[in-house]
Amino acid sequence: MKHAYLIIAHNEFEILNLLLRAIDDERNDIYIHFDRKITDIPACRTAHAKMFILSNPTDVRWGDVSVVEAEYKLFEAAYVHGGYSYYHLLSGVDFPLKSQDYIHRFMEKNADKEFIGYYQGDISKEIERKVCLWHLFPKSFRGDSTFDMLMKKGLRALFIRLQLWSGIRRNQQVNFRKGTQWVSVAHSLVSLLLQKKDEVMRTYSHTFCADEIFVQTICWNSSFREHIYKLNDEGDGCMRMIGWKNNELIEWTEDNFDELIASNALFARKFSSAHIGVVRKIMSAIGL
């Protein structure tokens, strides 16, 4: 089986280079999307895997559909090469918890499965807020406290309230689902995602955090729903450990090493150079 690793990176390049070492295997090809705002792309090398750095990167803005656009560029770049059994979407601060031999054996054993995490709680209000209303200035969801940003935030909030008051809604015909954006999906599902690209970009224009919704929604509303690895557990469904505490994404530290290495998950996020010791301990544990 040949795998494609698709990486969205914008910082923490020391972690990224360790990630590249961990997935540097002749059975893998690696595709990296560096945010267009990065002026000094780090040197990245592999000894065994072929590596491709996207030459037409997107200016990625948190919460904006530009995140989805960057994912599509990675899927497209890998798909045109063909021949991949699985496409693993990772961030540059993710790291494998298992060796490449283990990951390839696991994926081969479960070759008919799609590894997509589905959130288990009630999402009705969240879906209405994120993708059934129009959001102004979607490239400015997160920023500094300048007058311009505060004005945009105020106008956005006012427009949301106007839509709620008047009953204006969009995308009412879509049966939305959500979960973590980080997935491992097979070639046939990637083909469907690419077929849906124009529809996706229209549907999620001026929405909020569509990267957590579009893959889950497409898969759910297709025959691929029957192939989801685990529908009743978001983490196990995508085989990823993602550290959440009080609704905040936390960084793993050396205190978490035993928990991480004992997990059944294939990957974890997120890591940082401030706690690089846990990454080096994982590397040693998986034989790197």
C-alpha atoms as a PDB file:
ATOM      1  CA  MET A   1       0.000   0.000   0.000  1.00  0.00           C
ATOM      2  CA  LYS A   2       1.206   3.463  -0.885  1.00  0.00           C
ATOM      3  CA  HIS A   3       0.210   6.305   1.449  1.00  0.00           C
ATOM      4  CA  ALA A   4       0.091  10.069   0.936  1.00  0.00           C
ATOM      5  CA  TYR A   5       0.763  12.331   3.900  1.00  0.00           C
ATOM      6  CA  LEU A   6      -0.818  15.751   3.476  1.00  0.00           C
ATOM      7  CA  ILE A   7       0.551  18.359   5.882  1.00  0.00           C
ATOM      8  CA  ILE A   8      -0.742  21.857   6.594  1.00  0.00           C
ATOM      9  CA  ALA A   9       2.079  23.832   8.240  1.00  0.00           C
ATOM     10  CA  HIS A  10       2.521  27.407   9.382  1.00  0.00           C
ATOM     11  CA  ASN A  11       4.802  27.317  12.447  1.00  0.00           C
ATOM     12  CA  GLU A  12       6.717  25.033  14.848  1.00  0.00           C
ATOM     13  CA  PHE A  13       9.103  23.899  12.130  1.00  0.00           C
ATOM     14  CA  GLU A  14      11.277  21.947  14.569  1.00  0.00           C
ATOM     15  CA  ILE A  15       8.271  19.706  15.226  1.00  0.00           C
ATOM     16  CA  LEU A  16       7.575  19.534  11.494  1.00  0.00           C
ATOM     17  CA  ASN A  17      11.079  18.260  10.760  1.00  0.00           C
ATOM     18  CA  LEU A  18      10.728  15.558  13.401  1.00  0.00           C
ATOM     19  CA  LEU A  19       7.368  14.624  11.898  1.00  0.00           C
ATOM     20  CA  LEU A  20       9.038  14.276   8.497  1.00  0.00           C
ATOM     21  CA  ARG A  21      11.636  11.944  10.022  1.00  0.00           C
ATOM     22  CA  ALA A  22       8.863   9.832  11.516  1.00  0.00           C
ATOM     23  CA  ILE A  23       7.005   9.359   8.212  1.00  0.00           C
ATOM     24  CA  ASP A  24      10.084   9.200   5.971  1.00  0.00           C
ATOM     25  CA  ASP A  25       9.388   5.802   4.432  1.00  0.00           C
ATOM     26  CA  GLU A  26       9.609   4.562   0.852  1.00  0.00           C
ATOM     27  CA  ARG A  27       5.943   3.505   1.092  1.00  0.00           C
ATOM     28  CA  ASN A  28       4.920   7.150   1.613  1.00  0.00           C
ATOM     29  CA  ASP A  29       4.838  10.341  -0.394  1.00  0.00           C
ATOM     30  CA  ILE A  30       4.655  13.633   1.514  1.00  0.00           C
ATOM     31  CA  TYR A  31       2.874  16.817   0.422  1.00  0.00           C
ATOM     32  CA  ILE A  32       3.322  20.037   2.409  1.00  0.00           C
ATOM     33  CA  HIS A  33       1.235  23.195   2.245  1.00  0.00           C
ATOM     34  CA  PHE A  34       3.051  26.119   3.847  1.00  0.00           C
ATOM     35  CA  ASP A  35       0.837  29.091   4.565  1.00  0.00           C
ATOM     36  CA  ARG A  36       1.370  31.782   1.941  1.00  0.00           C
ATOM     37  CA  LYS A  37       2.131  34.279   4.704  1.00  0.00           C
ATOM     38  CA  ILE A  38       5.365  32.419   5.506  1.00  0.00           C
ATOM     39  CA  THR A  39       8.277  34.342   4.012  1.00  0.00           C
ATOM     40  CA  ASP A  40      11.046  31.943   5.008  1.00  0.00           C
ATOM     41  CA  ILE A  41      10.106  28.328   4.272  1.00  0.00           C
ATOM     42  CA  PRO A  42      12.257  25.951   6.330  1.00  0.00           C
ATOM     43  CA  ALA A  43      14.576  23.411   4.754  1.00  0.00           C
ATOM     44  CA  CYS A  44      12.803  20.062   4.639  1.00  0.00           C
ATOM     45  CA  ARG A  45      14.498  16.825   3.630  1.00  0.00           C
ATOM     46  CA  THR A  46      13.622  13.164   3.358  1.00  0.00           C
ATOM     47  CA  ALA A  47      15.800  10.169   2.617  1.00  0.00           C
ATOM     48  CA  HIS A  48      13.179   7.627   1.530  1.00  0.00           C
ATOM     49  CA  ALA A  49       9.807   9.270   0.919  1.00  0.00           C
ATOM     50  CA  LYS A  50       9.222  11.574  -2.020  1.00  0.00           C
ATOM     51  CA  MET A  51       8.325  15.055  -0.855  1.00  0.00           C
ATOM     52  CA  PHE A  52       6.395  17.777  -2.654  1.00  0.00           C
ATOM     53  CA  ILE A  53       6.031  21.346  -1.405  1.00  0.00           C
ATOM     54  CA  LEU A  54       2.996  23.039  -2.931  1.00  0.00           C
ATOM     55  CA  SER A  55       3.996  25.946  -5.138  1.00  0.00           C
ATOM     56  CA  ASN A  56       0.623  27.746  -5.070  1.00  0.00           C
ATOM     57  CA  PRO A  57      -0.203  27.991  -1.357  1.00  0.00           C
ATOM     58  CA  THR A  58      -3.267  29.632   0.108  1.00  0.00           C
ATOM     59  CA  ASP A  59      -3.272  32.501   2.570  1.00  0.00           C
ATOM     60  CA  VAL A  60      -4.938  30.478   5.315  1.00  0.00           C
ATOM     61  CA  ARG A  61      -7.086  32.344   7.840  1.00  0.00           C
ATOM     62  CA  TRP A  62      -8.471  30.652  10.926  1.00  0.00           C
ATOM     63  CA  GLY A  63     -12.181  29.829  10.695  1.00  0.00           C
ATOM     64  CA  ASP A  64     -12.352  30.853   7.039  1.00  0.00           C
ATOM     65  CA  VAL A  65     -13.058  28.639   4.029  1.00  0.00           C
ATOM     66  CA  SER A  66      -9.419  29.248   3.035  1.00  0.00           C
ATOM     67  CA  VAL A  67      -8.596  26.323   5.385  1.00  0.00           C
ATOM     68  CA  VAL A  68     -10.792  24.108   3.198  1.00  0.00           C
ATOM     69  CA  GLU A  69      -9.105  25.527   0.094  1.00  0.00           C
ATOM     70  CA  ALA A  70      -5.674  24.542   1.443  1.00  0.00           C
ATOM     71  CA  GLU A  71      -6.912  21.016   2.169  1.00  0.00           C
ATOM     72  CA  TYR A  72      -8.275  20.729  -1.358  1.00  0.00           C
ATOM     73  CA  LYS A  73      -4.939  21.792  -2.815  1.00  0.00           C
ATOM     74  CA  LEU A  74      -3.243  18.988  -0.909  1.00  0.00           C
ATOM     75  CA  PHE A  75      -5.826  16.397  -1.928  1.00  0.00           C
ATOM     76  CA  GLU A  76      -5.593  17.522  -5.558  1.00  0.00           C
ATOM     77  CA  ALA A  77      -1.789  17.493  -5.638  1.00  0.00           C
ATOM     78  CA  ALA A  78      -1.661  13.952  -4.285  1.00  0.00           C
ATOM     79  CA  TYR A  79      -4.595  12.640  -6.289  1.00  0.00           C
ATOM     80  CA  VAL A  80      -3.095  13.552  -9.659  1.00  0.00           C
ATOM     81  CA  HIS A  81      -0.112  11.336  -8.867  1.00  0.00           C
ATOM     82  CA  GLY A  82      -2.506   8.466  -8.214  1.00  0.00           C
ATOM     83  CA  GLY A  83      -1.855   5.097  -6.680  1.00  0.00           C
ATOM     84  CA  TYR A  84      -2.404   5.968  -3.001  1.00  0.00           C
ATOM     85  CA  SER A  85      -4.438   3.661  -0.821  1.00  0.00           C
ATOM     86  CA  TYR A  86      -4.791   6.248   1.948  1.00  0.00           C
ATOM     87  CA  TYR A  87      -4.433   9.992   2.356  1.00  0.00           C
ATOM     88  CA  HIS A  88      -3.543  11.159   5.881  1.00  0.00           C
ATOM     89  CA  LEU A  89      -4.348  14.810   6.568  1.00  0.00           C
ATOM     90  CA  LEU A  90      -2.115  16.170   9.335  1.00  0.00           C
ATOM     91  CA  SER A  91      -1.100  19.507  10.721  1.00  0.00           C
ATOM     92  CA  GLY A  92       2.557  20.393  11.104  1.00  0.00           C
ATOM     93  CA  VAL A  93       2.249  19.898  14.877  1.00  0.00           C
ATOM     94  CA  ASP A  94       0.901  16.338  14.687  1.00  0.00           C
ATOM     95  CA  PHE A  95       3.003  13.264  15.324  1.00  0.00           C
ATOM     96  CA  PRO A  96       2.569   9.498  14.817  1.00  0.00           C
ATOM     97  CA  LEU A  97       2.247   7.333  17.903  1.00  0.00           C
ATOM     98  CA  LYS A  98       3.059   4.171  15.988  1.00  0.00           C
ATOM     99  CA  SER A  99       5.798   3.046  13.626  1.00  0.00           C
ATOM    100  CA  GLN A 100       5.291   3.103   9.875  1.00  0.00           C
ATOM    101  CA  ASP A 101       5.239  -0.698   9.837  1.00  0.00           C
ATOM    102  CA  TYR A 102       2.409  -0.652  12.375  1.00  0.00           C
ATOM    103  CA  ILE A 103       0.465   2.052  10.514  1.00  0.00           C
ATOM    104  CA  HIS A 104       0.749   0.282   7.175  1.00  0.00           C
ATOM    105  CA  ARG A 105      -0.297  -3.061   8.680  1.00  0.00           C
ATOM    106  CA  PHE A 106      -3.244  -1.442  10.427  1.00  0.00           C
ATOM    107  CA  MET A 107      -4.447   0.354   7.312  1.00  0.00           C
ATOM    108  CA  GLU A 108      -4.079  -2.768   5.197  1.00  0.00           C
ATOM    109  CA  LYS A 109      -6.107  -4.755   7.735  1.00  0.00           C
ATOM    110  CA  ASN A 110      -8.840  -2.084   7.636  1.00  0.00           C
ATOM    111  CA  ALA A 111      -8.548  -1.245   3.963  1.00  0.00           C
ATOM    112  CA  ASP A 112     -12.306  -0.778   3.501  1.00  0.00           C
ATOM    113  CA  LYS A 113     -12.601   1.832   6.263  1.00  0.00           C
ATOM    114  CA  GLU A 114     -12.685   5.624   6.338  1.00  0.00           C
ATOM    115  CA  PHE A 115     -11.060   7.188   9.398  1.00  0.00           C
ATOM    116  CA  ILE A 116     -13.180  10.257  10.064  1.00  0.00           C
ATOM    117  CA  GLY A 117     -14.116  11.516  13.520  1.00  0.00           C
ATOM    118  CA  TYR A 118     -17.717  12.505  14.224  1.00  0.00           C
ATOM    119  CA  TYR A 119     -18.628  14.746  17.155  1.00  0.00           C
ATOM    120  CA  GLN A 120     -21.027  12.932  19.494  1.00  0.00           C
ATOM    121  CA  GLY A 121     -22.984  15.763  21.088  1.00  0.00           C
ATOM    122  CA  ASP A 122     -25.893  17.886  19.886  1.00  0.00           C
ATOM    123  CA  ILE A 123     -24.621  20.055  17.031  1.00  0.00           C
ATOM    124  CA  SER A 124     -27.868  21.714  15.945  1.00  0.00           C
ATOM    125  CA  LYS A 125     -27.181  25.175  17.407  1.00  0.00           C
ATOM    126  CA  GLU A 126     -23.527  25.072  16.375  1.00  0.00           C
ATOM    127  CA  ILE A 127     -24.399  24.103  12.811  1.00  0.00           C
ATOM    128  CA  GLU A 128     -26.966  26.890  12.579  1.00  0.00           C
ATOM    129  CA  ARG A 129     -24.454  29.450  13.788  1.00  0.00           C
ATOM    130  CA  LYS A 130     -21.534  28.255  11.686  1.00  0.00           C
ATOM    131  CA  VAL A 131     -22.958  27.314   8.288  1.00  0.00           C
ATOM    132  CA  CYS A 132     -26.621  28.381   8.118  1.00  0.00           C
ATOM    133  CA  LEU A 133     -25.915  32.090   8.525  1.00  0.00           C
ATOM    134  CA  TRP A 134     -23.850  34.513   6.460  1.00  0.00           C
ATOM    135  CA  HIS A 135     -20.634  35.676   8.163  1.00  0.00           C
ATOM    136  CA  LEU A 136     -19.144  38.998   7.130  1.00  0.00           C
ATOM    137  CA  PHE A 137     -15.365  39.443   6.851  1.00  0.00           C
ATOM    138  CA  PRO A 138     -14.600  35.704   7.164  1.00  0.00           C
ATOM    139  CA  LYS A 139     -10.856  36.233   6.780  1.00  0.00           C
ATOM    140  CA  SER A 140     -10.866  38.280   9.974  1.00  0.00           C
ATOM    141  CA  PHE A 141     -12.367  35.926  12.556  1.00  0.00           C
ATOM    142  CA  ARG A 142      -9.149  36.063  14.537  1.00  0.00           C
ATOM    143  CA  GLY A 143      -6.844  39.031  14.718  1.00  0.00           C
ATOM    144  CA  ASP A 144      -5.525  41.872  16.832  1.00  0.00           C
ATOM    145  CA  SER A 145      -7.573  44.549  18.568  1.00  0.00           C
ATOM    146  CA  THR A 146      -7.084  47.302  16.001  1.00  0.00           C
ATOM    147  CA  PHE A 147      -9.955  49.638  15.245  1.00  0.00           C
ATOM    148  CA  ASP A 148     -10.466  47.944  11.860  1.00  0.00           C
ATOM    149  CA  MET A 149     -10.731  44.491  13.448  1.00  0.00           C
ATOM    150  CA  LEU A 150     -13.106  45.708  16.137  1.00  0.00           C
ATOM    151  CA  MET A 151     -15.309  47.347  13.501  1.00  0.00           C
ATOM    152  CA  LYS A 152     -15.437  44.131  11.475  1.00  0.00           C
ATOM    153  CA  LYS A 153     -16.246  42.104  14.575  1.00  0.00           C
ATOM    154  CA  GLY A 154     -19.041  44.478  15.499  1.00  0.00           C
ATOM    155  CA  LEU A 155     -20.550  44.524  12.012  1.00  0.00           C
ATOM    156  CA  ARG A 156     -20.341  40.732  11.812  1.00  0.00           C
ATOM    157  CA  ALA A 157     -22.156  40.322  15.120  1.00  0.00           C
ATOM    158  CA  LEU A 158     -24.814  42.845  14.086  1.00  0.00           C
ATOM    159  CA  PHE A 159     -25.423  41.053  10.779  1.00  0.00           C
ATOM    160  CA  ILE A 160     -25.719  37.691  12.569  1.00  0.00           C
ATOM    161  CA  ARG A 161     -28.320  39.160  14.934  1.00  0.00           C
ATOM    162  CA  LEU A 162     -30.233  40.620  11.994  1.00  0.00           C
ATOM    163  CA  GLN A 163     -30.398  37.203  10.320  1.00  0.00           C
ATOM    164  CA  LEU A 164     -31.508  35.514  13.544  1.00  0.00           C
ATOM    165  CA  TRP A 165     -34.193  38.162  14.105  1.00  0.00           C
ATOM    166  CA  SER A 166     -35.514  38.049  10.533  1.00  0.00           C
ATOM    167  CA  GLY A 167     -35.380  34.267  10.169  1.00  0.00           C
ATOM    168  CA  ILE A 168     -32.913  34.347   7.276  1.00  0.00           C
ATOM    169  CA  ARG A 169     -31.147  31.003   6.918  1.00  0.00           C
ATOM    170  CA  ARG A 170     -29.030  29.336   4.249  1.00  0.00           C
ATOM    171  CA  ASN A 171     -27.997  25.767   3.410  1.00  0.00           C
ATOM    172  CA  GLN A 172     -31.225  24.409   4.910  1.00  0.00           C
ATOM    173  CA  GLN A 173     -31.258  21.469   2.501  1.00  0.00           C
ATOM    174  CA  VAL A 174     -27.924  20.063   3.721  1.00  0.00           C
ATOM    175  CA  ASN A 175     -27.729  17.386   6.422  1.00  0.00           C
ATOM    176  CA  PHE A 176     -24.576  18.645   8.134  1.00  0.00           C
ATOM    177  CA  ARG A 177     -22.233  16.692  10.408  1.00  0.00           C
ATOM    178  CA  LYS A 178     -19.050  17.814  12.153  1.00  0.00           C
ATOM    179  CA  GLY A 179     -15.860  16.556  13.771  1.00  0.00           C
ATOM    180  CA  THR A 180     -12.119  17.072  13.741  1.00  0.00           C
ATOM    181  CA  GLN A 181     -10.704  18.082  10.358  1.00  0.00           C
ATOM    182  CA  TRP A 182      -7.801  15.614  10.617  1.00  0.00           C
ATOM    183  CA  VAL A 183      -8.703  12.427   8.762  1.00  0.00           C
ATOM    184  CA  SER A 184      -7.282   9.393   6.973  1.00  0.00           C
ATOM    185  CA  VAL A 185      -9.358   8.586   3.910  1.00  0.00           C
ATOM    186  CA  ALA A 186      -9.134   6.167   1.001  1.00  0.00           C
ATOM    187  CA  HIS A 187      -8.678   6.947  -2.673  1.00  0.00           C
ATOM    188  CA  SER A 188     -12.349   6.537  -3.646  1.00  0.00           C
ATOM    189  CA  LEU A 189     -13.558   8.993  -1.025  1.00  0.00           C
ATOM    190  CA  VAL A 190     -10.917  11.516  -2.067  1.00  0.00           C
ATOM    191  CA  SER A 191     -12.266  11.183  -5.595  1.00  0.00           C
ATOM    192  CA  LEU A 192     -15.745  12.076  -4.312  1.00  0.00           C
ATOM    193  CA  LEU A 193     -14.394  15.025  -2.305  1.00  0.00           C
ATOM    194  CA  LEU A 194     -12.736  16.389  -5.435  1.00  0.00           C
ATOM    195  CA  GLN A 195     -15.914  15.941  -7.474  1.00  0.00           C
ATOM    196  CA  LYS A 196     -17.737  18.018  -4.859  1.00  0.00           C
ATOM    197  CA  LYS A 197     -15.166  20.811  -4.710  1.00  0.00           C
ATOM    198  CA  ASP A 198     -17.115  23.531  -6.546  1.00  0.00           C
ATOM    199  CA  GLU A 199     -20.237  22.731  -4.533  1.00  0.00           C
ATOM    200  CA  VAL A 200     -18.250  22.800  -1.301  1.00  0.00           C
ATOM    201  CA  MET A 201     -16.682  26.170  -2.013  1.00  0.00           C
ATOM    202  CA  ARG A 202     -20.109  27.655  -2.790  1.00  0.00           C
ATOM    203  CA  THR A 203     -21.838  26.086   0.208  1.00  0.00           C
ATOM    204  CA  TYR A 204     -19.212  27.126   2.738  1.00  0.00           C
ATOM    205  CA  SER A 205     -18.361  30.585   1.443  1.00  0.00           C
ATOM    206  CA  HIS A 206     -18.822  33.105   4.295  1.00  0.00           C
ATOM    207  CA  THR A 207     -19.304  30.375   6.886  1.00  0.00           C
ATOM    208  CA  PHE A 208     -17.337  29.641  10.059  1.00  0.00           C
ATOM    209  CA  CYS A 209     -15.019  26.641  10.651  1.00  0.00           C
ATOM    210  CA  ALA A 210     -16.149  24.696   7.587  1.00  0.00           C
ATOM    211  CA  ASP A 211     -12.969  22.588   7.822  1.00  0.00           C
ATOM    212  CA  GLU A 212     -14.637  20.723  10.718  1.00  0.00           C
ATOM    213  CA  ILE A 213     -17.773  20.052   8.699  1.00  0.00           C
ATOM    214  CA  PHE A 214     -17.332  19.503   4.961  1.00  0.00           C
ATOM    215  CA  VAL A 215     -15.632  16.062   4.925  1.00  0.00           C
ATOM    216  CA  GLN A 216     -17.937  14.685   7.620  1.00  0.00           C
ATOM    217  CA  THR A 217     -20.972  15.981   5.751  1.00  0.00           C
ATOM    218  CA  ILE A 218     -19.979  14.610   2.344  1.00  0.00           C
ATOM    219  CA  CYS A 219     -19.132  11.209   3.769  1.00  0.00           C
ATOM    220  CA  TRP A 220     -22.297  11.032   5.879  1.00  0.00           C
ATOM    221  CA  ASN A 221     -24.527  11.771   2.895  1.00  0.00           C
ATOM    222  CA  SER A 222     -22.927   9.131   0.689  1.00  0.00           C
ATOM    223  CA  SER A 223     -22.489   5.371   0.576  1.00  0.00           C
ATOM    224  CA  PHE A 224     -19.129   5.856   2.328  1.00  0.00           C
ATOM    225  CA  ARG A 225     -21.020   6.283   5.612  1.00  0.00           C
ATOM    226  CA  GLU A 226     -21.149   2.480   5.801  1.00  0.00           C
ATOM    227  CA  HIS A 227     -17.331   2.391   5.802  1.00  0.00           C
ATOM    228  CA  ILE A 228     -16.649   4.796   8.675  1.00  0.00           C
ATOM    229  CA  TYR A 229     -14.333   3.051  11.113  1.00  0.00           C
ATOM    230  CA  LYS A 230     -16.164   4.091  14.297  1.00  0.00           C
ATOM    231  CA  LEU A 231     -19.218   6.300  14.335  1.00  0.00           C
ATOM    232  CA  ASN A 232     -19.666   6.439  18.105  1.00  0.00           C
ATOM    233  CA  ASP A 233     -16.285   7.888  19.094  1.00  0.00           C
ATOM    234  CA  GLU A 234     -14.728  10.971  17.498  1.00  0.00           C
ATOM    235  CA  GLY A 235     -11.139  10.162  18.480  1.00  0.00           C
ATOM    236  CA  ASP A 236     -11.256   6.462  17.653  1.00  0.00           C
ATOM    237  CA  GLY A 237     -13.113   7.255  14.456  1.00  0.00           C
ATOM    238  CA  CYS A 238     -10.136   9.138  13.050  1.00  0.00           C
ATOM    239  CA  MET A 239      -7.495   7.251  15.092  1.00  0.00           C
ATOM    240  CA  ARG A 240      -6.146  10.452  16.590  1.00  0.00           C
ATOM    241  CA  MET A 241      -5.521  11.685  20.125  1.00  0.00           C
ATOM    242  CA  ILE A 242      -6.346  15.363  20.305  1.00  0.00           C
ATOM    243  CA  GLY A 243      -5.817  17.106  23.615  1.00  0.00           C
ATOM    244  CA  TRP A 244      -8.813  19.146  24.705  1.00  0.00           C
ATOM    245  CA  LYS A 245      -9.228  20.738  28.116  1.00  0.00           C
ATOM    246  CA  ASN A 246     -12.024  23.166  28.979  1.00  0.00           C
ATOM    247  CA  ASN A 247     -12.785  23.441  25.281  1.00  0.00           C
ATOM    248  CA  GLU A 248      -9.201  24.527  24.539  1.00  0.00           C
ATOM    249  CA  LEU A 249      -6.670  22.622  22.448  1.00  0.00           C
ATOM    250  CA  ILE A 250      -3.735  21.862  24.739  1.00  0.00           C
ATOM    251  CA  GLU A 251      -0.146  20.890  24.006  1.00  0.00           C
ATOM    252  CA  TRP A 252       1.073  17.444  25.010  1.00  0.00           C
ATOM    253  CA  THR A 253       3.965  17.363  27.484  1.00  0.00           C
ATOM    254  CA  GLU A 254       6.259  14.688  28.893  1.00  0.00           C
ATOM    255  CA  ASP A 255       3.693  14.138  31.636  1.00  0.00           C
ATOM    256  CA  ASN A 256       1.390  12.746  28.931  1.00  0.00           C
ATOM    257  CA  PHE A 257       3.918  10.300  27.458  1.00  0.00           C
ATOM    258  CA  ASP A 258       2.536   7.128  29.059  1.00  0.00           C
ATOM    259  CA  GLU A 259      -1.004   8.048  28.048  1.00  0.00           C
ATOM    260  CA  LEU A 260       0.055   8.781  24.475  1.00  0.00           C
ATOM    261  CA  ILE A 261       2.156   5.694  23.918  1.00  0.00           C
ATOM    262  CA  ALA A 262      -0.484   3.394  25.450  1.00  0.00           C
ATOM    263  CA  SER A 263      -3.159   4.753  23.129  1.00  0.00           C
ATOM    264  CA  ASN A 264      -4.531   2.776  20.200  1.00  0.00           C
ATOM    265  CA  ALA A 265      -4.455   5.969  18.121  1.00  0.00           C
ATOM    266  CA  LEU A 266      -2.137   6.266  15.134  1.00  0.00           C
ATOM    267  CA  PHE A 267      -1.508  10.015  15.504  1.00  0.00           C
ATOM    268  CA  ALA A 268      -1.746  12.757  18.117  1.00  0.00           C
ATOM    269  CA  ARG A 269      -1.900  16.549  18.177  1.00  0.00           C
ATOM    270  CA  LYS A 270      -0.762  19.016  19.153  1.00  0.00           C
ATOM    271  CA  PHE A 271       2.949  19.236  20.018  1.00  0.00           C
ATOM    272  CA  SER A 272       5.299  22.180  20.406  1.00  0.00           C
ATOM    273  CA  SER A 273       9.011  22.895  20.606  1.00  0.00           C
ATOM    274  CA  ALA A 274       8.431  24.053  24.193  1.00  0.00           C
ATOM    275  CA  HIS A 275       7.715  20.408  25.084  1.00  0.00           C
ATOM    276  CA  ILE A 276       9.836  18.693  22.463  1.00  0.00           C
ATOM    277  CA  GLY A 277      10.997  16.116  24.997  1.00  0.00           C
ATOM    278  CA  VAL A 278       7.743  14.174  24.682  1.00  0.00           C
ATOM    279  CA  VAL A 279       8.205  13.994  20.903  1.00  0.00           C
ATOM    280  CA  ARG A 280      11.719  12.594  21.276  1.00  0.00           C
ATOM    281  CA  LYS A 281      10.460  10.015  23.777  1.00  0.00           C
ATOM    282  CA  ILE A 282       7.744   8.936  21.317  1.00  0.00           C
ATOM    283  CA  MET A 283      10.351   8.668  18.567  1.00  0.00           C
ATOM    284  CA  SER A 284      12.446   6.370  20.720  1.00  0.00           C
ATOM    285  CA  ALA A 285       9.410   4.290  21.673  1.00  0.00           C
ATOM    286  CA  ILE A 286       8.442   3.664  18.044  1.00  0.00           C
ATOM    287  CA  GLY A 287      11.969   2.818  16.987  1.00  0.00           C
ATOM    288  CA  LEU A 288      13.249   6.059  15.464  1.00  0.00           C
END
